[in-house]
């Protein structure tokens, strides 16, 4: 009896809080955007309009593994580029931003400099022009 019906007809109308939201950016892009209008929680999001932002899902998952978060927040190395340091800095930003959007740019820059990331083809080179390796 459901043949020929659309998903909306079969399951009903999707509640407005779960619908896709259109975001209109101003002159300053994300800098002047009111994230509180869409996120009233204390949890922060990560900017997704940058190269290789697919790792945001991993970052959020790792953030909620409390022993890992505690370790990364106490991590500090003397290396110029250290992925663990960048994860710790990013976790700190996520804790301090109280629902605002965070940028994972430094983490993604460090990630893009890992030889393993290139060797395993983990980087989206078609959009990675923003990250140029340091000499």
C-alpha atoms as a PDB file:
ATOM      1  CA  UNK A   1       0.000   0.000   0.000  1.00  0.00           C
ATOM      2  CA  UNK A   2       3.101   2.313   0.267  1.00  0.00           C
ATOM      3  CA  UNK A   3       4.011   1.838  -3.392  1.00  0.00           C
ATOM      4  CA  UNK A   4       4.287   5.053  -5.322  1.00  0.00           C
ATOM      5  CA  UNK A   5       4.337   7.226  -2.218  1.00  0.00           C
ATOM      6  CA  UNK A   6       7.192   9.556  -1.423  1.00  0.00           C
ATOM      7  CA  UNK A   7       9.216   9.168   1.766  1.00  0.00           C
ATOM      8  CA  UNK A   8       7.419  12.205   3.202  1.00  0.00           C
ATOM      9  CA  UNK A   9       4.043  10.616   2.475  1.00  0.00           C
ATOM     10  CA  UNK A  10       5.110   7.296   4.039  1.00  0.00           C
ATOM     11  CA  UNK A  11       6.743   8.603   7.206  1.00  0.00           C
ATOM     12  CA  UNK A  12       5.240  12.026   7.652  1.00  0.00           C
ATOM     13  CA  UNK A  13       6.716  15.451   7.869  1.00  0.00           C
ATOM     14  CA  UNK A  14      10.242  15.870   9.298  1.00  0.00           C
ATOM     15  CA  UNK A  15      10.240  18.000  12.440  1.00  0.00           C
ATOM     16  CA  UNK A  16      11.751  21.433  11.776  1.00  0.00           C
ATOM     17  CA  UNK A  17      14.600  20.989  14.298  1.00  0.00           C
ATOM     18  CA  UNK A  18      15.934  18.067  12.210  1.00  0.00           C
ATOM     19  CA  UNK A  19      15.657  19.687   8.801  1.00  0.00           C
ATOM     20  CA  UNK A  20      18.636  20.871   6.820  1.00  0.00           C
ATOM     21  CA  UNK A  21      19.486  24.435   7.729  1.00  0.00           C
ATOM     22  CA  UNK A  22      20.592  26.982   5.176  1.00  0.00           C
ATOM     23  CA  UNK A  23      23.467  29.134   6.384  1.00  0.00           C
ATOM     24  CA  UNK A  24      23.946  32.535   4.794  1.00  0.00           C
ATOM     25  CA  UNK A  25      27.372  33.984   5.425  1.00  0.00           C
ATOM     26  CA  UNK A  26      28.042  37.711   5.688  1.00  0.00           C
ATOM     27  CA  UNK A  27      30.956  39.741   4.376  1.00  0.00           C
ATOM     28  CA  UNK A  28      33.335  38.220   6.957  1.00  0.00           C
ATOM     29  CA  UNK A  29      32.300  34.636   6.300  1.00  0.00           C
ATOM     30  CA  UNK A  30      32.227  32.534   9.466  1.00  0.00           C
ATOM     31  CA  UNK A  31      33.711  35.353  11.550  1.00  0.00           C
ATOM     32  CA  UNK A  32      30.421  37.253  11.798  1.00  0.00           C
ATOM     33  CA  UNK A  33      28.067  34.257  11.720  1.00  0.00           C
ATOM     34  CA  UNK A  34      25.749  33.704  14.702  1.00  0.00           C
ATOM     35  CA  UNK A  35      26.281  30.024  15.541  1.00  0.00           C
ATOM     36  CA  UNK A  36      24.102  30.358  18.658  1.00  0.00           C
ATOM     37  CA  UNK A  37      21.072  30.554  16.386  1.00  0.00           C
ATOM     38  CA  UNK A  38      21.711  26.972  15.252  1.00  0.00           C
ATOM     39  CA  UNK A  39      23.551  25.508  18.253  1.00  0.00           C
ATOM     40  CA  UNK A  40      22.294  26.241  21.749  1.00  0.00           C
ATOM     41  CA  UNK A  41      24.404  23.464  23.310  1.00  0.00           C
ATOM     42  CA  UNK A  42      27.791  23.789  24.996  1.00  0.00           C
ATOM     43  CA  UNK A  43      29.333  21.552  22.324  1.00  0.00           C
ATOM     44  CA  UNK A  44      31.409  23.171  19.603  1.00  0.00           C
ATOM     45  CA  UNK A  45      31.549  22.304  15.964  1.00  0.00           C
ATOM     46  CA  UNK A  46      34.479  22.323  13.581  1.00  0.00           C
ATOM     47  CA  UNK A  47      34.689  24.385  10.420  1.00  0.00           C
ATOM     48  CA  UNK A  48      34.098  22.138   7.433  1.00  0.00           C
ATOM     49  CA  UNK A  49      34.919  24.427   4.525  1.00  0.00           C
ATOM     50  CA  UNK A  50      38.648  23.727   4.586  1.00  0.00           C
ATOM     51  CA  UNK A  51      40.726  21.028   2.865  1.00  0.00           C
ATOM     52  CA  UNK A  52      40.634  17.530   4.378  1.00  0.00           C
ATOM     53  CA  UNK A  53      37.936  18.431   6.889  1.00  0.00           C
ATOM     54  CA  UNK A  54      36.682  14.844   6.647  1.00  0.00           C
ATOM     55  CA  UNK A  55      38.877  14.216   9.723  1.00  0.00           C
ATOM     56  CA  UNK A  56      36.464  16.342  11.787  1.00  0.00           C
ATOM     57  CA  UNK A  57      34.452  13.191  12.537  1.00  0.00           C
ATOM     58  CA  UNK A  58      37.567  11.528  13.969  1.00  0.00           C
ATOM     59  CA  UNK A  59      38.432  14.647  15.968  1.00  0.00           C
ATOM     60  CA  UNK A  60      34.984  14.752  17.552  1.00  0.00           C
ATOM     61  CA  UNK A  61      35.047  11.027  18.282  1.00  0.00           C
ATOM     62  CA  UNK A  62      38.504  11.228  19.858  1.00  0.00           C
ATOM     63  CA  UNK A  63      37.453  14.292  21.877  1.00  0.00           C
ATOM     64  CA  UNK A  64      34.830  12.242  23.715  1.00  0.00           C
ATOM     65  CA  UNK A  65      37.252   9.451  24.660  1.00  0.00           C
ATOM     66  CA  UNK A  66      38.033  10.960  28.050  1.00  0.00           C
ATOM     67  CA  UNK A  67      41.403   9.230  28.760  1.00  0.00           C
ATOM     68  CA  UNK A  68      42.629  10.210  25.285  1.00  0.00           C
ATOM     69  CA  UNK A  69      41.413  13.778  25.744  1.00  0.00           C
ATOM     70  CA  UNK A  70      43.162  14.060  29.128  1.00  0.00           C
ATOM     71  CA  UNK A  71      46.416  12.735  27.649  1.00  0.00           C
ATOM     72  CA  UNK A  72      46.308  15.046  24.630  1.00  0.00           C
ATOM     73  CA  UNK A  73      45.519  18.099  26.763  1.00  0.00           C
ATOM     74  CA  UNK A  74      48.707  17.410  28.737  1.00  0.00           C
ATOM     75  CA  UNK A  75      50.819  16.692  25.632  1.00  0.00           C
ATOM     76  CA  UNK A  76      53.549  19.106  24.608  1.00  0.00           C
ATOM     77  CA  UNK A  77      56.597  18.215  22.556  1.00  0.00           C
ATOM     78  CA  UNK A  78      59.586  20.187  21.379  1.00  0.00           C
ATOM     79  CA  UNK A  79      59.024  19.255  17.719  1.00  0.00           C
ATOM     80  CA  UNK A  80      58.158  21.988  15.264  1.00  0.00           C
ATOM     81  CA  UNK A  81      55.291  19.942  13.847  1.00  0.00           C
ATOM     82  CA  UNK A  82      53.646  17.469  16.210  1.00  0.00           C
ATOM     83  CA  UNK A  83      50.231  15.997  15.493  1.00  0.00           C
ATOM     84  CA  UNK A  84      49.633  15.154  19.173  1.00  0.00           C
ATOM     85  CA  UNK A  85      50.314  18.781  20.173  1.00  0.00           C
ATOM     86  CA  UNK A  86      47.862  20.021  17.559  1.00  0.00           C
ATOM     87  CA  UNK A  87      45.218  17.566  18.780  1.00  0.00           C
ATOM     88  CA  UNK A  88      45.763  18.858  22.320  1.00  0.00           C
ATOM     89  CA  UNK A  89      45.440  22.489  21.198  1.00  0.00           C
ATOM     90  CA  UNK A  90      42.299  21.642  19.243  1.00  0.00           C
ATOM     91  CA  UNK A  91      40.764  19.785  22.206  1.00  0.00           C
ATOM     92  CA  UNK A  92      41.512  22.824  24.356  1.00  0.00           C
ATOM     93  CA  UNK A  93      39.718  25.070  21.837  1.00  0.00           C
ATOM     94  CA  UNK A  94      36.719  22.727  21.765  1.00  0.00           C
ATOM     95  CA  UNK A  95      36.500  22.890  25.562  1.00  0.00           C
ATOM     96  CA  UNK A  96      36.852  26.670  25.736  1.00  0.00           C
ATOM     97  CA  UNK A  97      34.630  27.759  22.846  1.00  0.00           C
ATOM     98  CA  UNK A  98      31.272  26.849  24.450  1.00  0.00           C
ATOM     99  CA  UNK A  99      29.316  26.091  21.296  1.00  0.00           C
ATOM    100  CA  UNK A 100      31.163  28.357  18.891  1.00  0.00           C
ATOM    101  CA  UNK A 101      32.756  26.994  15.743  1.00  0.00           C
ATOM    102  CA  UNK A 102      36.446  26.030  15.943  1.00  0.00           C
ATOM    103  CA  UNK A 103      38.995  25.792  13.158  1.00  0.00           C
ATOM    104  CA  UNK A 104      41.130  22.690  12.805  1.00  0.00           C
ATOM    105  CA  UNK A 105      43.466  24.416  10.348  1.00  0.00           C
ATOM    106  CA  UNK A 106      46.687  23.916  12.336  1.00  0.00           C
ATOM    107  CA  UNK A 107      45.868  20.271  13.011  1.00  0.00           C
ATOM    108  CA  UNK A 108      45.121  19.683   9.328  1.00  0.00           C
ATOM    109  CA  UNK A 109      48.345  21.451   8.333  1.00  0.00           C
ATOM    110  CA  UNK A 110      50.336  19.135  10.639  1.00  0.00           C
ATOM    111  CA  UNK A 111      48.362  16.141   9.355  1.00  0.00           C
ATOM    112  CA  UNK A 112      49.117  17.085   5.746  1.00  0.00           C
ATOM    113  CA  UNK A 113      52.861  17.151   6.526  1.00  0.00           C
ATOM    114  CA  UNK A 114      52.945  13.547   7.693  1.00  0.00           C
ATOM    115  CA  UNK A 115      54.696  11.340   5.126  1.00  0.00           C
ATOM    116  CA  UNK A 116      52.346   8.512   6.130  1.00  0.00           C
ATOM    117  CA  UNK A 117      49.299  10.603   5.231  1.00  0.00           C
ATOM    118  CA  UNK A 118      50.631  11.072   1.693  1.00  0.00           C
ATOM    119  CA  UNK A 119      51.822   7.496   1.353  1.00  0.00           C
ATOM    120  CA  UNK A 120      48.415   6.155   2.440  1.00  0.00           C
ATOM    121  CA  UNK A 121      46.663   8.714   0.189  1.00  0.00           C
ATOM    122  CA  UNK A 122      44.697  10.161   3.108  1.00  0.00           C
ATOM    123  CA  UNK A 123      44.888  13.713   1.779  1.00  0.00           C
ATOM    124  CA  UNK A 124      42.478  15.278  -0.643  1.00  0.00           C
ATOM    125  CA  UNK A 125      45.049  16.900  -2.930  1.00  0.00           C
ATOM    126  CA  UNK A 126      42.387  18.454  -5.165  1.00  0.00           C
ATOM    127  CA  UNK A 127      41.514  20.971  -2.406  1.00  0.00           C
ATOM    128  CA  UNK A 128      44.717  20.965  -0.374  1.00  0.00           C
ATOM    129  CA  UNK A 129      46.278  24.026  -2.002  1.00  0.00           C
ATOM    130  CA  UNK A 130      45.857  26.008   1.232  1.00  0.00           C
ATOM    131  CA  UNK A 131      48.493  23.894   2.948  1.00  0.00           C
ATOM    132  CA  UNK A 132      52.006  24.251   1.668  1.00  0.00           C
ATOM    133  CA  UNK A 133      54.747  22.320   3.438  1.00  0.00           C
ATOM    134  CA  UNK A 134      57.343  24.254   5.396  1.00  0.00           C
ATOM    135  CA  UNK A 135      60.891  24.343   4.117  1.00  0.00           C
END
